[in-house]
Amino acid sequence: MSSEKNSGSGSSSELARPSIWSKIDSRLALSSVDAVRRSNADLDPVPPHRRTWRTHNYVMYWISDNFSPSGFRNAASLMLIGLSWRDSLVCITVAQFIVGCVIVLNGVVGSRYHINFSIQSRASFGYYFSYLMIVMRMIVGIFWYGIQAYTGAECVLSIIYAIWPSFHNVPNRLPESANITTQMMTAYVVYFILILPMHYIPMRHLKWLFTIKSITTPIVGFAIMGWVIHTVGISNTSLWNQQTTLHGSKLAWTFLSGLYANIGTWSTLAVNVPDFTRFAVNDKAAFITAFVLPATGCLITFFGIVSAAGSNILYGQILWDPLQLIDHWTTPGGRAAAFFCAFFFLISQIGVNIAANSISAANDLNCLFPRYINIRRGQIIVAFIGSWALTPWNILTGAPAFISFMSGYSVWLGPIAGILLSDFYLVHKQKYDVWELYNKDGIYRYNKIGTNWRAFVAFFVGWVPLLPGFIPTVNAAITVSEGATHLYYLGYFYGVGAAALTYYVLCRFWPAQETMLDRAVYPDADVIQAHNGQYMEEDVDAGFGDAIVVENEGKK
């Protein structure tokens, strides 16, 4: 009898013993996770004390985003296809003004409801269909993270050359098939080590990084341009005197092609800008974007044109990349100047990669796996996948068609932006219930499969007609009609407009009445506390993820 009892007791003890998986799960799960709403501290609406971004912070952000090595190269492709430097400046400025307006309009959702793109997308696409949009955006972010990391490594390489000129003579020990040299791989590893700790900085504190960038990189830009003008002058260079070689309809369509390409560069931020505006102190703080973005884009492009024109006189070749230009500064004083220029470009590149790619992709991962991934963990995952799993040196060296594919990704991002804008301003009249967006069985589920069929139809109307014109940019062996090519050049305008109009018409005649509200439901302070408990300031300062301590139910 006694032995049976002991046996039963032992069996019960074994059943009660937690499994290995449950132990792992308990260690990996975020302390702030809300299993019912599938959310965590980073995915919830931003609480009042973390809404710290003001108008000047967004000014600094866009200045820092435009002033980078890639900004110097803005006019290169346009001038190579026949536009003058003046027409190139106009094209880039107009493109950034257009996309700046889209960024402002879509950013209001974040600054008013303090949610990111991942949550915003549920209102128009439906709870589960929105995951497809999130994955599409995440893929873009991860790939561009790796490509921008390679540019960051080029900054590091210029720094090493400036400090140790003998590094130029380091022999390459890697095979040609590696598509990267020993020198570049060394710089790449150093860059990765430098950027990794930056991912631990909470988003609300990154504004200080952008402030530093917005001061230092324009100084570098003016310094390089001033040195070129002082050293050689630019009045007689063929590049500076280059006129537009195109006329008539050919000029118009080439200009539109350049416009589309430059809009596409910012089309990802036009979609996920709520990831940043959610930290705004009010919904007007980010309006300045529509003016700062084109102004800084025009200025940095002008810097690039002047520098390239000067390099043609000095070195007999047009150097659009400012890093290649400063690598020619080999005197002791020149090397010191090259070091500081490359160092500040490195800071700029780190900021661009974190803001444009790392934060956004981490937000998407956070939404997909809210139990285990917060923004900090998501950024680390993005860093390793983008930097090492994708081997960006192979992408840049051996796959120009893939770069064309990534540049043309706005074929899909344009319709997404159009649907988001149409839903917020035209269909729901800016009235969302923020907490229903976190309810998988709530009003924004739309149907059993969590898909808003109106958005599904509008999305395909927005991109399918553009596909024939897009394919030749990836595979030059395929030819299509001139009309298809011209429609592709109008791609962003068509994608945004057609998707927005189709979505509005479908919602007008077949409205989802359950989502139509008499008044908006905002995440004010007491509502946040009622949903999540008390935010502890010391935990928030430690990082995003484990920032919430749920209060005792008795206290509630």
Protein backbone atom coordinates (compact mmCIF):
# COMPACT_ATOMS: atom_id res chain seq x y z
CA MET A 1 0.00 0.00 0.00
CA SER A 2 2.71 2.33 1.05
CA SER A 3 4.76 1.46 -1.98
CA GLU A 4 1.80 2.16 -4.28
CA LYS A 5 1.36 5.54 -2.72
CA ASN A 6 5.02 6.31 -3.14
CA SER A 7 4.84 5.15 -6.72
CA GLY A 8 1.84 7.32 -7.40
CA SER A 9 3.51 10.25 -5.75
CA GLY A 10 6.63 9.79 -7.89
CA SER A 11 4.57 9.57 -11.05
CA SER A 12 2.74 12.77 -10.13
CA SER A 13 6.06 14.45 -9.42
CA GLU A 14 7.37 13.44 -12.83
CA LEU A 15 4.27 14.82 -14.52
CA ALA A 16 4.62 18.10 -12.68
CA ARG A 17 8.27 18.48 -13.61
CA PRO A 18 8.63 21.11 -16.34
CA SER A 19 9.89 19.93 -19.71
CA ILE A 20 13.09 21.17 -21.32
CA TRP A 21 11.08 23.17 -23.84
CA SER A 22 9.01 24.87 -21.14
CA LYS A 23 12.24 25.88 -19.39
CA ILE A 24 13.65 27.30 -22.63
CA ASP A 25 10.35 29.01 -23.37
CA SER A 26 10.24 30.63 -19.93
CA ARG A 27 13.78 31.95 -20.40
CA LEU A 28 13.20 33.30 -23.90
CA ALA A 29 9.72 34.76 -23.41
CA LEU A 30 9.56 38.49 -22.77
CA SER A 31 8.36 39.53 -19.34
CA SER A 32 6.12 42.15 -20.94
CA VAL A 33 4.33 39.78 -23.31
CA ASP A 34 0.53 39.85 -23.37
CA ALA A 35 -0.55 36.47 -24.72
CA VAL A 36 -4.18 37.49 -25.16
CA ARG A 37 -3.41 40.47 -27.39
CA ARG A 38 -0.23 38.95 -28.86
CA SER A 39 1.72 42.05 -27.93
CA ASN A 40 4.56 43.30 -25.77
CA ALA A 41 6.00 46.59 -24.55
CA ASP A 42 7.54 47.47 -27.91
CA LEU A 43 4.42 46.60 -29.89
CA ASP A 44 1.99 48.47 -27.64
CA PRO A 45 1.22 52.14 -28.27
CA VAL A 46 4.04 54.35 -27.05
CA PRO A 47 3.23 55.69 -23.54
CA PRO A 48 3.33 59.47 -22.94
CA HIS A 49 6.70 59.61 -21.20
CA ARG A 50 8.38 58.01 -24.23
CA ARG A 51 6.89 60.46 -26.76
CA THR A 52 9.90 62.74 -26.90
CA TRP A 53 10.47 63.54 -30.60
CA ARG A 54 9.78 67.18 -31.48
CA THR A 55 9.87 69.04 -34.80
CA HIS A 56 13.60 69.79 -34.59
CA ASN A 57 14.32 66.10 -33.97
CA TYR A 58 12.63 65.18 -37.25
CA VAL A 59 14.55 67.96 -39.01
CA MET A 60 17.78 66.45 -37.71
CA TYR A 61 16.63 62.96 -38.66
CA TRP A 62 16.01 63.78 -42.33
CA ILE A 63 19.20 65.84 -42.62
CA SER A 64 21.19 62.92 -41.25
CA ASP A 65 19.40 60.43 -43.49
CA ASN A 66 20.18 62.35 -46.67
CA PHE A 67 23.75 63.36 -45.85
CA SER A 68 25.56 60.07 -46.46
CA PRO A 69 27.97 58.62 -49.03
CA SER A 70 25.03 57.36 -51.08
CA GLY A 71 23.61 60.90 -51.13
CA PHE A 72 26.72 62.09 -52.98
CA ARG A 73 25.93 59.55 -55.71
CA ASN A 74 22.34 60.67 -56.28
CA ALA A 75 22.98 62.40 -59.61
CA ALA A 76 25.37 59.79 -61.03
CA SER A 77 22.86 57.53 -62.78
CA LEU A 78 20.76 60.45 -64.01
CA MET A 79 23.71 62.18 -65.67
CA LEU A 80 24.87 58.91 -67.20
CA ILE A 81 21.53 58.52 -69.02
CA GLY A 82 21.69 62.01 -70.51
CA LEU A 83 20.39 64.57 -68.00
CA SER A 84 22.38 67.68 -67.16
CA TRP A 85 23.34 68.41 -63.58
CA ARG A 86 20.58 71.03 -63.38
CA ASP A 87 17.89 68.63 -64.59
CA SER A 88 19.24 65.97 -62.23
CA LEU A 89 18.91 68.36 -59.29
CA VAL A 90 15.33 69.18 -60.28
CA CYS A 91 14.44 65.50 -60.70
CA ILE A 92 15.83 64.52 -57.29
CA THR A 93 14.24 67.51 -55.53
CA VAL A 94 10.80 66.89 -57.04
CA ALA A 95 10.99 63.16 -56.26
CA GLN A 96 11.86 63.78 -52.62
CA PHE A 97 9.14 66.41 -52.27
CA ILE A 98 6.51 63.99 -53.61
CA VAL A 99 7.57 61.12 -51.38
CA GLY A 100 7.99 63.57 -48.49
CA CYS A 101 4.30 64.46 -48.75
CA VAL A 102 3.37 60.76 -48.67
CA ILE A 103 5.61 60.28 -45.63
CA VAL A 104 3.91 63.19 -43.83
CA LEU A 105 0.40 61.93 -44.59
CA ASN A 106 1.11 58.36 -43.51
CA GLY A 107 3.11 59.50 -40.50
CA VAL A 108 0.03 61.07 -38.92
CA VAL A 109 -1.22 57.59 -38.01
CA GLY A 110 1.87 56.99 -35.91
CA SER A 111 1.95 60.42 -34.27
CA ARG A 112 -1.77 60.34 -33.43
CA TYR A 113 -2.25 56.72 -32.33
CA HIS A 114 1.40 56.04 -31.39
CA ILE A 115 1.46 52.67 -33.15
CA ASN A 116 3.91 51.32 -35.70
CA PHE A 117 3.30 50.22 -39.29
CA SER A 118 2.81 46.58 -38.31
CA ILE A 119 -0.22 47.43 -36.18
CA GLN A 120 -1.49 50.16 -38.52
CA SER A 121 -1.67 47.75 -41.46
CA ARG A 122 -4.31 45.62 -39.69
CA ALA A 123 -6.91 48.38 -40.01
CA SER A 124 -6.93 48.21 -43.82
CA PHE A 125 -5.60 44.76 -44.76
CA GLY A 126 -7.17 42.72 -41.97
CA TYR A 127 -5.54 41.05 -38.98
CA TYR A 128 -3.91 38.15 -40.85
CA PHE A 129 -3.53 39.54 -44.39
CA SER A 130 -1.46 42.35 -42.86
CA TYR A 131 1.22 39.78 -42.03
CA LEU A 132 1.99 39.42 -45.74
CA MET A 133 2.60 43.18 -45.99
CA ILE A 134 4.79 43.02 -42.88
CA VAL A 135 6.90 40.18 -44.30
CA MET A 136 7.33 42.04 -47.61
CA ARG A 137 8.55 45.13 -45.79
CA MET A 138 10.81 43.07 -43.51
CA ILE A 139 12.54 41.34 -46.43
CA VAL A 140 13.38 44.70 -47.99
CA GLY A 141 14.77 45.99 -44.69
CA ILE A 142 17.00 42.98 -44.09
CA PHE A 143 18.46 42.99 -47.61
CA TRP A 144 19.15 46.72 -47.58
CA TYR A 145 20.68 46.39 -44.12
CA GLY A 146 23.33 44.10 -45.58
CA ILE A 147 23.95 46.33 -48.59
CA GLN A 148 24.27 49.43 -46.39
CA ALA A 149 26.59 47.49 -44.07
CA TYR A 150 28.94 47.02 -47.01
CA THR A 151 28.96 50.80 -47.58
CA GLY A 152 29.71 51.25 -43.88
CA ALA A 153 32.67 48.90 -44.27
CA GLU A 154 33.94 51.08 -47.11
CA CYS A 155 33.96 54.00 -44.64
CA VAL A 156 35.99 51.89 -42.21
CA LEU A 157 38.41 50.95 -44.99
CA SER A 158 39.00 54.63 -45.76
CA ILE A 159 39.69 55.26 -42.07
CA ILE A 160 42.24 52.43 -42.00
CA TYR A 161 43.92 53.74 -45.16
CA ALA A 162 44.17 57.19 -43.57
CA ILE A 163 45.77 55.85 -40.36
CA TRP A 164 47.93 53.11 -41.89
CA PRO A 165 48.70 53.78 -45.57
CA SER A 166 50.63 50.50 -45.65
CA PHE A 167 47.28 48.71 -45.45
CA HIS A 168 47.03 49.35 -49.19
CA ASN A 169 49.77 46.73 -49.58
CA VAL A 170 48.14 43.97 -47.54
CA PRO A 171 47.99 40.93 -49.84
CA ASN A 172 44.64 39.37 -50.61
CA ARG A 173 44.39 35.86 -49.12
CA LEU A 174 40.82 35.21 -50.24
CA PRO A 175 39.98 33.47 -53.53
CA GLU A 176 38.53 35.48 -56.39
CA SER A 177 35.27 33.54 -56.05
CA ALA A 178 34.78 35.10 -52.61
CA ASN A 179 34.01 38.45 -54.29
CA ILE A 180 35.65 40.28 -51.40
CA THR A 181 39.30 41.00 -50.56
CA THR A 182 41.14 40.50 -47.29
CA GLN A 183 41.30 44.28 -46.84
CA MET A 184 37.57 44.70 -47.31
CA MET A 185 36.68 41.74 -45.11
CA THR A 186 38.82 43.19 -42.32
CA ALA A 187 36.99 46.51 -42.60
CA TYR A 188 33.65 44.68 -42.73
CA VAL A 189 34.33 42.82 -39.48
CA VAL A 190 35.41 46.06 -37.79
CA TYR A 191 32.23 47.80 -39.00
CA PHE A 192 30.06 44.98 -37.67
CA ILE A 193 31.74 45.13 -34.26
CA LEU A 194 31.23 48.89 -34.15
CA ILE A 195 27.55 48.89 -35.13
CA LEU A 196 26.42 45.97 -32.98
CA PRO A 197 26.30 47.90 -29.66
CA MET A 198 24.36 50.71 -31.37
CA HIS A 199 21.38 48.38 -31.65
CA TYR A 200 21.00 48.53 -27.88
CA ILE A 201 20.12 52.24 -27.93
CA PRO A 202 16.36 52.74 -27.39
CA MET A 203 14.56 54.47 -30.22
CA ARG A 204 13.69 57.54 -28.16
CA HIS A 205 17.42 58.13 -27.50
CA LEU A 206 18.49 57.71 -31.15
CA LYS A 207 17.47 61.32 -31.77
CA TRP A 208 20.82 62.32 -30.26
CA LEU A 209 22.68 60.22 -32.84
CA PHE A 210 20.72 61.95 -35.61
CA THR A 211 21.48 65.33 -34.09
CA ILE A 212 25.23 64.61 -34.13
CA LYS A 213 24.99 63.35 -37.71
CA SER A 214 23.02 66.35 -38.88
CA ILE A 215 25.79 68.66 -37.63
CA THR A 216 28.90 66.73 -38.67
CA THR A 217 27.99 65.35 -42.10
CA PRO A 218 26.95 68.70 -43.64
CA ILE A 219 30.26 70.12 -42.40
CA VAL A 220 32.06 67.26 -44.17
CA GLY A 221 30.04 67.88 -47.33
CA PHE A 222 30.83 71.59 -47.36
CA ALA A 223 34.50 70.85 -46.58
CA ILE A 224 34.92 68.43 -49.50
CA MET A 225 33.12 70.76 -51.92
CA GLY A 226 35.11 73.77 -50.67
CA TRP A 227 38.40 71.91 -51.05
CA VAL A 228 37.54 70.92 -54.62
CA ILE A 229 36.59 74.47 -55.60
CA HIS A 230 39.66 75.94 -53.90
CA THR A 231 42.05 73.40 -55.42
CA VAL A 232 40.99 73.20 -59.04
CA GLY A 233 37.91 75.31 -59.64
CA ILE A 234 35.09 73.77 -61.60
CA SER A 235 34.28 76.17 -64.39
CA ASN A 236 36.00 74.28 -67.20
CA THR A 237 35.17 70.68 -66.44
CA SER A 238 33.15 68.81 -69.05
CA LEU A 239 30.96 67.31 -66.35
CA TRP A 240 30.00 70.73 -65.03
CA ASN A 241 29.24 71.96 -68.55
CA GLN A 242 27.33 68.84 -69.57
CA GLN A 243 23.97 69.65 -71.13
CA THR A 244 20.93 67.44 -71.39
CA THR A 245 21.35 65.35 -74.54
CA LEU A 246 17.71 64.26 -74.75
CA HIS A 247 14.76 66.10 -76.28
CA GLY A 248 11.01 65.85 -76.63
CA SER A 249 9.18 62.78 -75.38
CA LYS A 250 12.48 60.94 -74.83
CA LEU A 251 13.52 63.60 -72.31
CA ALA A 252 10.11 63.50 -70.59
CA TRP A 253 10.09 59.74 -70.12
CA THR A 254 13.72 59.65 -69.03
CA PHE A 255 12.95 62.34 -66.46
CA LEU A 256 9.97 60.30 -65.21
CA SER A 257 12.18 57.20 -65.05
CA GLY A 258 14.63 59.09 -62.84
CA LEU A 259 11.76 60.44 -60.78
CA TYR A 260 10.43 56.92 -60.21
CA ALA A 261 13.87 55.58 -59.27
CA ASN A 262 14.46 58.33 -56.70
CA ILE A 263 10.97 57.98 -55.22
CA GLY A 264 11.59 54.25 -54.94
CA THR A 265 14.61 54.92 -52.72
CA TRP A 266 12.28 56.37 -50.07
CA SER A 267 9.19 54.24 -50.74
CA THR A 268 9.95 51.91 -47.85
CA LEU A 269 10.02 54.78 -45.36
CA ALA A 270 6.78 56.10 -46.86
CA VAL A 271 5.15 52.84 -45.75
CA ASN A 272 6.70 52.33 -42.31
CA VAL A 273 7.17 55.95 -41.19
CA PRO A 274 4.78 55.36 -38.24
CA ASP A 275 7.66 53.36 -36.72
CA PHE A 276 9.27 56.76 -36.06
CA THR A 277 6.37 59.19 -35.80
CA ARG A 278 4.85 57.09 -33.00
CA PHE A 279 7.41 58.76 -30.72
CA ALA A 280 6.26 62.29 -31.66
CA VAL A 281 4.98 64.64 -28.96
CA ASN A 282 2.07 65.59 -31.23
CA ASP A 283 0.71 64.80 -34.69
CA LYS A 284 2.23 67.93 -36.28
CA ALA A 285 5.83 67.39 -35.21
CA ALA A 286 6.79 65.50 -38.38
CA PHE A 287 5.09 67.81 -40.92
CA ILE A 288 8.42 69.52 -41.60
CA THR A 289 9.49 66.38 -43.50
CA ALA A 290 7.84 67.57 -46.71
CA PHE A 291 10.28 70.51 -46.86
CA VAL A 292 13.43 69.20 -45.17
CA LEU A 293 13.66 66.03 -47.26
CA PRO A 294 13.80 67.69 -50.73
CA ALA A 295 15.97 70.59 -49.49
CA THR A 296 18.65 68.31 -48.05
CA GLY A 297 18.42 65.94 -51.01
CA CYS A 298 19.07 68.81 -53.40
CA LEU A 299 22.01 70.11 -51.35
CA ILE A 300 23.84 66.79 -50.94
CA THR A 301 23.34 66.03 -54.64
CA PHE A 302 24.93 69.38 -55.52
CA PHE A 303 27.89 68.49 -53.27
CA GLY A 304 28.27 65.23 -55.17
CA ILE A 305 28.19 66.92 -58.58
CA VAL A 306 30.84 69.47 -57.61
CA SER A 307 33.08 66.79 -56.08
CA ALA A 308 32.74 64.52 -59.11
CA ALA A 309 33.53 67.41 -61.46
CA GLY A 310 36.66 68.27 -59.46
CA SER A 311 37.85 64.67 -59.36
CA ASN A 312 37.70 64.54 -63.14
CA ILE A 313 40.24 67.38 -63.32
CA LEU A 314 42.42 66.17 -60.45
CA TYR A 315 42.63 62.44 -61.14
CA GLY A 316 41.38 62.03 -64.71
CA GLN A 317 38.32 60.05 -63.65
CA ILE A 318 34.86 60.93 -62.37
CA LEU A 319 34.58 59.79 -58.76
CA TRP A 320 30.98 59.90 -57.60
CA ASP A 321 31.86 58.13 -54.37
CA PRO A 322 33.32 60.63 -51.86
CA LEU A 323 35.19 57.79 -50.12
CA GLN A 324 37.13 57.10 -53.31
CA LEU A 325 37.89 60.80 -53.55
CA ILE A 326 39.34 61.13 -50.04
CA ASP A 327 41.37 57.93 -50.50
CA HIS A 328 43.53 60.02 -52.87
CA TRP A 329 44.50 62.35 -50.02
CA THR A 330 47.87 60.80 -49.18
CA THR A 331 49.87 63.69 -47.66
CA PRO A 332 50.08 63.80 -43.83
CA GLY A 333 47.55 66.67 -43.67
CA GLY A 334 45.43 65.04 -46.35
CA ARG A 335 45.32 61.77 -44.43
CA ALA A 336 44.17 63.58 -41.30
CA ALA A 337 41.37 65.24 -43.28
CA ALA A 338 40.49 61.91 -44.89
CA PHE A 339 40.27 60.28 -41.46
CA PHE A 340 37.78 62.82 -40.12
CA CYS A 341 35.70 62.77 -43.30
CA ALA A 342 35.54 58.98 -43.33
CA PHE A 343 34.83 58.86 -39.58
CA PHE A 344 31.83 61.18 -39.85
CA PHE A 345 30.61 59.34 -42.95
CA LEU A 346 30.82 56.16 -40.86
CA ILE A 347 28.62 57.70 -38.16
CA SER A 348 26.22 58.78 -40.89
CA GLN A 349 26.12 55.31 -42.42
CA ILE A 350 25.51 53.66 -39.06
CA GLY A 351 22.62 56.01 -38.40
CA VAL A 352 21.10 55.43 -41.84
CA ASN A 353 21.29 51.67 -41.49
CA ILE A 354 19.74 51.64 -38.02
CA ALA A 355 16.97 54.10 -38.88
CA ALA A 356 16.00 53.01 -42.38
CA ASN A 357 16.52 49.25 -42.10
CA SER A 358 17.30 47.85 -38.66
CA ILE A 359 14.50 49.48 -36.63
CA SER A 360 11.88 48.83 -39.30
CA ALA A 361 12.74 45.17 -39.85
CA ALA A 362 12.97 44.66 -36.08
CA ASN A 363 9.47 46.10 -35.68
CA ASP A 364 8.22 43.59 -38.24
CA LEU A 365 9.90 40.69 -36.42
CA ASN A 366 8.45 42.01 -33.17
CA CYS A 367 4.94 41.80 -34.64
CA LEU A 368 5.48 38.33 -36.09
CA PHE A 369 6.92 36.87 -32.86
CA PRO A 370 5.76 39.14 -30.01
CA ARG A 371 6.30 36.48 -27.36
CA TYR A 372 10.04 36.23 -27.96
CA ILE A 373 11.24 39.22 -30.00
CA ASN A 374 11.32 42.87 -28.99
CA ILE A 375 12.98 45.66 -30.96
CA ARG A 376 16.38 45.07 -29.38
CA ARG A 377 16.40 41.33 -30.09
CA GLY A 378 14.95 41.96 -33.54
CA GLN A 379 17.77 44.33 -34.44
CA ILE A 380 20.40 41.79 -33.43
CA ILE A 381 18.71 39.14 -35.59
CA VAL A 382 18.51 41.54 -38.54
CA ALA A 383 22.18 42.47 -38.08
CA PHE A 384 23.40 38.88 -38.28
CA ILE A 385 21.11 37.82 -41.13
CA GLY A 386 21.64 40.98 -43.19
CA SER A 387 25.39 41.21 -42.61
CA TRP A 388 26.44 37.56 -42.78
CA ALA A 389 23.72 35.21 -44.02
CA LEU A 390 23.04 37.30 -47.12
CA THR A 391 26.74 38.02 -47.88
CA PRO A 392 26.10 41.48 -49.41
CA TRP A 393 29.47 41.49 -51.20
CA ASN A 394 28.17 38.68 -53.40
CA ILE A 395 24.94 40.59 -54.05
CA LEU A 396 26.77 43.77 -55.03
CA THR A 397 29.44 42.05 -57.10
CA GLY A 398 27.60 39.24 -58.80
CA ALA A 399 23.93 40.11 -58.96
CA PRO A 400 23.19 43.47 -60.61
CA ALA A 401 19.78 42.13 -61.60
CA PHE A 402 18.96 41.59 -57.94
CA ILE A 403 19.89 45.19 -57.12
CA SER A 404 17.54 46.30 -59.91
CA PHE A 405 14.86 44.11 -58.36
CA MET A 406 15.33 45.67 -54.93
CA SER A 407 15.32 49.18 -56.40
CA GLY A 408 12.06 48.42 -58.20
CA TYR A 409 10.42 47.06 -55.07
CA SER A 410 8.24 50.18 -54.94
CA VAL A 411 6.05 48.34 -57.46
CA TRP A 412 4.59 46.67 -54.38
CA LEU A 413 5.26 49.34 -51.77
CA GLY A 414 3.37 52.02 -53.72
CA PRO A 415 0.03 50.14 -53.61
CA ILE A 416 0.54 49.41 -49.90
CA ALA A 417 1.01 53.13 -49.22
CA GLY A 418 -2.04 53.98 -51.33
CA ILE A 419 -4.27 51.59 -49.42
CA LEU A 420 -3.01 52.81 -46.05
CA LEU A 421 -3.71 56.45 -46.96
CA SER A 422 -7.09 55.71 -48.51
CA ASP A 423 -8.20 53.70 -45.49
CA PHE A 424 -7.14 56.30 -42.93
CA TYR A 425 -8.30 59.50 -44.64
CA LEU A 426 -11.14 58.48 -46.97
CA VAL A 427 -12.69 55.31 -45.59
CA HIS A 428 -12.36 55.53 -41.81
CA LYS A 429 -12.08 59.33 -41.65
CA GLN A 430 -9.05 59.09 -39.32
CA LYS A 431 -11.09 57.16 -36.72
CA TYR A 432 -9.54 53.94 -35.43
CA ASP A 433 -10.10 51.98 -32.25
CA VAL A 434 -6.49 51.45 -31.27
CA TRP A 435 -7.18 48.52 -28.93
CA GLU A 436 -9.28 46.66 -31.49
CA LEU A 437 -6.16 46.58 -33.66
CA TYR A 438 -4.66 44.23 -31.05
CA ASN A 439 -7.71 41.93 -30.97
CA LYS A 440 -7.42 39.03 -33.41
CA ASP A 441 -11.17 38.47 -33.18
CA GLY A 442 -12.04 42.18 -33.22
CA ILE A 443 -13.58 44.48 -35.78
CA TYR A 444 -10.45 44.59 -37.96
CA ARG A 445 -10.44 40.85 -38.53
CA TYR A 446 -13.05 41.41 -41.30
CA ASN A 447 -13.79 37.71 -41.87
CA LYS A 448 -12.88 34.21 -40.71
CA ILE A 449 -9.50 34.27 -42.45
CA GLY A 450 -8.65 37.76 -41.20
CA THR A 451 -8.46 39.29 -44.68
CA ASN A 452 -10.09 42.46 -45.96
CA TRP A 453 -10.97 41.39 -49.50
CA ARG A 454 -11.25 45.03 -50.58
CA ALA A 455 -7.57 45.60 -49.77
CA PHE A 456 -6.68 42.29 -51.44
CA VAL A 457 -8.30 43.40 -54.73
CA ALA A 458 -6.91 46.94 -54.55
CA PHE A 459 -3.37 45.66 -53.88
CA PHE A 460 -3.37 43.52 -57.02
CA VAL A 461 -4.90 46.31 -59.12
CA GLY A 462 -2.03 48.51 -57.94
CA TRP A 463 0.88 46.32 -59.01
CA VAL A 464 -0.13 43.72 -61.62
CA PRO A 465 -0.28 46.17 -64.60
CA LEU A 466 3.24 47.36 -63.69
CA LEU A 467 4.78 43.90 -63.79
CA PRO A 468 5.46 43.74 -67.58
CA GLY A 469 7.49 46.97 -67.42
CA PHE A 470 9.31 45.84 -64.30
CA ILE A 471 10.57 42.49 -65.65
CA PRO A 472 13.05 43.92 -68.23
CA THR A 473 14.81 45.88 -65.47
CA VAL A 474 15.73 42.54 -63.93
CA ASN A 475 16.29 40.56 -67.12
CA ALA A 476 17.44 42.72 -70.05
CA ALA A 477 16.91 39.82 -72.46
CA ILE A 478 13.15 40.24 -72.11
CA THR A 479 11.57 43.00 -74.17
CA VAL A 480 8.11 44.50 -73.73
CA SER A 481 6.08 47.16 -75.47
CA GLU A 482 6.93 50.83 -75.12
CA GLY A 483 3.57 51.42 -73.43
CA ALA A 484 4.35 48.90 -70.70
CA THR A 485 7.71 50.56 -70.10
CA HIS A 486 6.14 54.00 -69.89
CA LEU A 487 3.51 52.77 -67.44
CA TYR A 488 6.31 51.38 -65.28
CA TYR A 489 7.99 54.80 -65.28
CA LEU A 490 4.73 56.12 -63.83
CA GLY A 491 4.74 53.20 -61.43
CA TYR A 492 4.64 54.93 -58.07
CA PHE A 493 1.95 57.38 -59.16
CA TYR A 494 -0.11 54.59 -60.68
CA GLY A 495 0.46 52.19 -57.80
CA VAL A 496 -0.51 54.67 -55.09
CA GLY A 497 -3.37 56.22 -57.06
CA ALA A 498 -4.93 53.07 -58.52
CA ALA A 499 -4.76 51.14 -55.24
CA ALA A 500 -6.13 54.07 -53.22
CA LEU A 501 -9.01 54.72 -55.64
CA THR A 502 -9.93 51.04 -56.02
CA TYR A 503 -9.92 50.52 -52.27
CA TYR A 504 -12.09 53.59 -51.68
CA VAL A 505 -14.65 52.59 -54.33
CA LEU A 506 -14.93 49.03 -53.00
CA CYS A 507 -15.35 50.30 -49.42
CA ARG A 508 -17.89 52.88 -50.60
CA PHE A 509 -20.17 50.29 -52.18
CA TRP A 510 -19.38 47.34 -49.90
CA PRO A 511 -18.43 48.96 -46.57
CA ALA A 512 -17.29 46.97 -43.55
CA GLN A 513 -19.83 48.57 -41.23
CA GLU A 514 -18.36 47.03 -38.07
CA THR A 515 -15.17 49.07 -38.54
CA MET A 516 -16.93 52.43 -38.99
CA LEU A 517 -16.70 54.39 -35.72
CA ASP A 518 -18.46 57.47 -34.43
CA ARG A 519 -15.35 58.51 -32.55
CA ALA A 520 -11.71 57.49 -32.43
CA VAL A 521 -10.26 55.55 -29.50
CA TYR A 522 -6.81 56.87 -28.60
CA PRO A 523 -4.20 55.32 -26.27
CA ASP A 524 -4.17 57.95 -23.54
CA ALA A 525 -2.16 57.39 -20.37
CA ASP A 526 -4.82 55.83 -18.16
CA VAL A 527 -5.92 53.43 -20.91
CA ILE A 528 -2.33 52.26 -21.39
CA GLN A 529 -2.01 51.59 -17.68
CA ALA A 530 -5.32 49.74 -17.63
CA HIS A 531 -4.18 47.46 -20.43
CA ASN A 532 -0.57 46.87 -19.48
CA GLY A 533 0.10 47.82 -15.91
CA GLN A 534 2.60 50.42 -14.78
CA TYR A 535 5.62 51.29 -16.98
CA MET A 536 8.70 51.39 -14.77
CA GLU A 537 11.11 54.14 -15.80
CA GLU A 538 14.24 52.29 -14.75
CA ASP A 539 13.21 49.27 -16.80
CA VAL A 540 12.44 51.43 -19.81
CA ASP A 541 15.88 53.02 -19.62
CA ALA A 542 17.43 49.57 -19.65
CA GLY A 543 15.79 48.81 -23.00
CA PHE A 544 12.52 48.46 -24.86
CA GLY A 545 11.65 44.86 -24.40
CA ASP A 546 11.18 44.11 -20.73
CA ALA A 547 9.81 47.50 -19.77
CA ILE A 548 6.44 46.67 -18.27
CA VAL A 549 5.61 45.29 -14.87
CA VAL A 550 2.02 44.13 -14.67
CA GLU A 551 0.35 45.32 -11.50
CA ASN A 552 -1.23 43.00 -9.01
CA GLU A 553 -4.80 42.21 -10.01
CA GLY A 554 -5.95 43.25 -6.55
CA LYS A 555 -4.56 46.74 -7.11
CA LYS A 556 -6.54 47.03 -10.30
